[in-house]
Amino acid sequence: MSDDQARADIALIRTALEQGRAYAFARSPDMIIWGCLVAAGYLGTWAFATGHLAMRPGPLWLGVLAAGWLFYLVRRLLRRLPRRVPLGGPAARLGPLVTALCMLWLGVGISLTLTGVVGILRGGMGAGWFNPIAAGVMGAGFFASAPLCNLPWLRWVAVAWWLGELALFWLHGTILVLPFAAALYLLLLAGPGLALRVRQHAA
């Protein structure tokens, strides 16, 4: 391999990693909103279970999921407008690494939404087993994103999700699973989103 080819390959890798990091920064609002919405859903379910809320969990969760996807779709529509250029520019949006990240998290979102909706319609979110499974899937998403976004600290977020998964299995069948799950989404989804937002403004 010639020196010119080696330099070109290094530049290509560097550009791809920069685009991956730009993708993470640009998606931070989605992380914050989804983390807060899902946490609100768990806290609302806990309030219903303890007699402090009259609204049943089924309609509450359907509203949470609808609000989250509506936010995602509106932001996607606004990013397509000429006056709204996403962080990293068109190359960051169209690059293969960014496309892989988009497909990864879109797949995570669709999978968890379908599983959650079926659980709601059948009554009981799969008898509570959805909670640890969702935490494990979130951990896998963060673990795969860490090298693609060139943000090694996301691996620790993944580890925290997997530890949370074990705790959710241990708490299965108790009412404590609800506030604990809410805390996970606030700390490990909205929290990293907020950290990325702060780092973006600092940069």
Protein backbone atom coordinates (compact mmCIF):
# COMPACT_ATOMS: atom_id res chain seq x y z
CA MET A 1 0.00 0.00 0.00
CA SER A 2 1.37 3.40 -0.99
CA ASP A 3 1.74 6.29 1.44
CA ASP A 4 -0.93 8.25 -0.42
CA GLN A 5 -3.38 5.36 -0.17
CA ALA A 6 -2.63 4.92 3.52
CA ARG A 7 -3.21 8.62 4.17
CA ALA A 8 -6.44 8.49 2.18
CA ASP A 9 -7.65 5.49 4.18
CA ILE A 10 -6.79 7.18 7.49
CA ALA A 11 -8.59 10.34 6.40
CA LEU A 12 -11.64 8.28 5.42
CA ILE A 13 -11.71 6.55 8.81
CA ARG A 14 -11.26 9.85 10.63
CA THR A 15 -14.10 11.43 8.65
CA ALA A 16 -16.39 8.47 9.36
CA LEU A 17 -15.69 8.68 13.09
CA GLU A 18 -16.32 12.43 13.09
CA GLN A 19 -19.61 11.82 11.34
CA GLY A 20 -20.52 9.18 13.91
CA ARG A 21 -19.81 11.60 16.75
CA ALA A 22 -21.84 14.29 14.97
CA TYR A 23 -24.72 11.81 14.72
CA ALA A 24 -24.61 11.21 18.47
CA PHE A 25 -24.66 14.95 19.16
CA ALA A 26 -27.55 15.48 16.74
CA ARG A 27 -29.62 12.70 18.32
CA SER A 28 -29.21 13.95 21.89
CA PRO A 29 -32.66 15.63 21.96
CA ASP A 30 -34.27 12.32 20.99
CA MET A 31 -32.45 10.60 23.85
CA ILE A 32 -33.57 13.23 26.35
CA ILE A 33 -37.22 13.20 25.24
CA TRP A 34 -37.50 9.42 25.00
CA GLY A 35 -35.79 8.94 28.35
CA CYS A 36 -38.15 11.39 30.06
CA LEU A 37 -41.25 10.01 28.33
CA VAL A 38 -40.53 6.38 29.19
CA ALA A 39 -39.64 7.33 32.76
CA ALA A 40 -42.96 9.20 32.99
CA GLY A 41 -44.73 6.08 31.75
CA TYR A 42 -43.15 3.94 34.47
CA LEU A 43 -43.86 6.52 37.15
CA GLY A 44 -47.46 6.82 35.96
CA THR A 45 -47.84 3.04 36.12
CA TRP A 46 -46.38 3.09 39.63
CA ALA A 47 -48.82 5.85 40.62
CA PHE A 48 -51.71 3.77 39.28
CA ALA A 49 -50.52 0.66 41.11
CA THR A 50 -50.30 2.59 44.39
CA GLY A 51 -53.70 4.22 43.93
CA HIS A 52 -52.46 7.76 43.22
CA LEU A 53 -53.51 7.87 39.54
CA ALA A 54 -56.84 6.87 38.03
CA MET A 55 -55.59 6.52 34.45
CA ARG A 56 -54.91 2.92 33.49
CA PRO A 57 -51.37 2.00 32.30
CA GLY A 58 -52.47 0.84 28.83
CA PRO A 59 -53.69 4.21 27.51
CA LEU A 60 -50.86 5.94 29.37
CA TRP A 61 -48.20 3.86 27.60
CA LEU A 62 -49.88 4.22 24.21
CA GLY A 63 -49.77 8.00 24.74
CA VAL A 64 -46.09 7.85 25.75
CA LEU A 65 -45.15 5.85 22.65
CA ALA A 66 -47.23 8.06 20.36
CA ALA A 67 -45.63 11.23 21.77
CA GLY A 68 -42.12 9.80 21.37
CA TRP A 69 -42.60 8.73 17.78
CA LEU A 70 -44.35 12.00 16.91
CA PHE A 71 -41.35 13.93 18.26
CA TYR A 72 -38.99 11.73 16.23
CA LEU A 73 -40.99 12.18 13.01
CA VAL A 74 -41.39 15.95 13.41
CA ARG A 75 -37.64 16.39 14.03
CA ARG A 76 -36.90 14.21 11.00
CA LEU A 77 -39.21 16.34 8.87
CA LEU A 78 -37.67 19.59 10.11
CA ARG A 79 -34.13 18.31 9.42
CA ARG A 80 -35.10 17.85 5.77
CA LEU A 81 -35.95 21.52 5.37
CA PRO A 82 -33.21 23.57 3.61
CA ARG A 83 -32.88 25.94 6.56
CA ARG A 84 -32.18 23.09 8.97
CA VAL A 85 -28.82 21.51 8.19
CA PRO A 86 -28.05 18.65 10.64
CA LEU A 87 -24.86 18.71 12.65
CA GLY A 88 -22.10 17.33 10.50
CA GLY A 89 -23.75 18.42 7.22
CA PRO A 90 -25.18 16.25 4.47
CA ALA A 91 -22.16 13.93 4.46
CA ALA A 92 -22.79 13.01 8.10
CA ARG A 93 -26.37 12.17 7.26
CA LEU A 94 -25.57 10.13 4.17
CA GLY A 95 -22.34 8.40 5.21
CA PRO A 96 -22.45 4.59 5.56
CA LEU A 97 -21.43 4.67 9.22
CA VAL A 98 -24.15 7.18 10.07
CA THR A 99 -26.64 5.14 8.06
CA ALA A 100 -25.67 2.07 10.12
CA LEU A 101 -26.20 4.03 13.34
CA CYS A 102 -29.60 5.27 12.14
CA MET A 103 -30.68 1.75 11.23
CA LEU A 104 -29.38 0.36 14.53
CA TRP A 105 -31.37 2.74 16.72
CA LEU A 106 -34.42 2.76 14.47
CA GLY A 107 -34.41 -1.03 14.70
CA VAL A 108 -34.09 -0.88 18.49
CA GLY A 109 -36.97 1.58 18.68
CA ILE A 110 -39.25 -0.41 16.39
CA SER A 111 -38.49 -3.71 18.13
CA LEU A 112 -39.15 -2.36 21.63
CA THR A 113 -42.26 -0.47 20.49
CA LEU A 114 -43.79 -3.54 18.83
CA THR A 115 -43.01 -5.71 21.84
CA GLY A 116 -44.41 -3.11 24.22
CA VAL A 117 -47.62 -2.54 22.21
CA VAL A 118 -48.30 -6.27 21.95
CA GLY A 119 -47.68 -6.58 25.68
CA ILE A 120 -50.10 -3.71 26.39
CA LEU A 121 -52.82 -5.15 24.15
CA ARG A 122 -52.45 -8.59 25.72
CA GLY A 123 -52.42 -7.01 29.18
CA GLY A 124 -49.45 -6.62 31.47
CA MET A 125 -46.41 -5.97 29.22
CA GLY A 126 -45.56 -9.65 29.04
CA ALA A 127 -46.10 -10.24 32.75
CA GLY A 128 -43.24 -7.87 33.54
CA TRP A 129 -40.52 -9.65 31.55
CA PHE A 130 -40.43 -6.82 29.00
CA ASN A 131 -38.58 -4.54 31.44
CA PRO A 132 -35.28 -6.48 31.76
CA ILE A 133 -35.37 -7.50 28.10
CA ALA A 134 -35.71 -3.85 27.04
CA ALA A 135 -32.79 -2.90 29.29
CA GLY A 136 -30.64 -5.58 27.68
CA VAL A 137 -31.52 -4.34 24.19
CA MET A 138 -30.68 -0.77 25.18
CA GLY A 139 -27.33 -1.96 26.51
CA ALA A 140 -26.56 -3.67 23.21
CA GLY A 141 -27.46 -0.50 21.31
CA PHE A 142 -25.13 1.67 23.39
CA PHE A 143 -22.35 -0.92 23.26
CA ALA A 144 -22.46 -1.04 19.45
CA SER A 145 -22.70 2.75 19.20
CA ALA A 146 -19.62 3.46 21.33
CA PRO A 147 -16.99 2.66 18.65
CA LEU A 148 -19.17 3.87 15.76
CA CYS A 149 -19.63 7.27 17.44
CA ASN A 150 -16.02 7.38 18.68
CA LEU A 151 -17.36 7.89 22.22
CA PRO A 152 -15.75 5.17 24.39
CA TRP A 153 -17.65 6.25 27.53
CA LEU A 154 -20.87 4.95 25.96
CA ARG A 155 -19.55 1.44 26.72
CA TRP A 156 -19.95 2.21 30.42
CA VAL A 157 -23.52 3.30 29.75
CA ALA A 158 -24.05 -0.10 28.11
CA VAL A 159 -22.56 -1.87 31.14
CA ALA A 160 -24.88 0.12 33.40
CA TRP A 161 -27.86 -0.96 31.29
CA TRP A 162 -26.84 -4.61 31.61
CA LEU A 163 -26.42 -4.27 35.36
CA GLY A 164 -29.85 -2.65 35.39
CA GLU A 165 -31.16 -5.63 33.46
CA LEU A 166 -29.93 -7.98 36.18
CA ALA A 167 -31.50 -5.78 38.85
CA LEU A 168 -34.81 -5.76 36.97
CA PHE A 169 -34.77 -9.56 36.84
CA TRP A 170 -34.12 -9.60 40.59
CA LEU A 171 -36.95 -7.09 41.24
CA HIS A 172 -39.36 -8.94 38.94
CA GLY A 173 -42.78 -9.33 40.53
CA THR A 174 -42.35 -6.43 42.95
CA ILE A 175 -43.71 -2.90 42.63
CA LEU A 176 -40.18 -1.53 43.02
CA VAL A 177 -39.45 -2.54 39.44
CA LEU A 178 -41.46 0.47 38.22
CA PRO A 179 -39.58 3.35 39.90
CA PHE A 180 -36.29 1.53 39.31
CA ALA A 181 -37.01 1.25 35.57
CA ALA A 182 -37.96 4.95 35.52
CA ALA A 183 -34.61 5.80 37.12
CA LEU A 184 -32.77 3.71 34.50
CA TYR A 185 -34.29 5.62 31.60
CA LEU A 186 -33.68 8.98 33.22
CA LEU A 187 -30.06 8.21 34.14
CA LEU A 188 -29.01 6.00 31.20
CA LEU A 189 -30.96 7.47 28.28
CA ALA A 190 -31.91 11.06 29.10
CA GLY A 191 -28.67 11.45 31.10
CA PRO A 192 -26.29 10.57 28.22
CA GLY A 193 -28.42 12.68 25.90
CA LEU A 194 -28.01 15.66 28.21
CA ALA A 195 -24.26 15.01 28.50
CA LEU A 196 -23.94 14.96 24.70
CA ARG A 197 -25.95 18.16 24.47
CA VAL A 198 -23.67 19.91 26.96
CA ARG A 199 -20.52 18.67 25.19
CA GLN A 200 -21.91 19.81 21.85
CA HIS A 201 -22.45 23.36 23.10
CA ALA A 202 -19.05 23.35 24.81
CA ALA A 203 -17.40 22.33 21.54
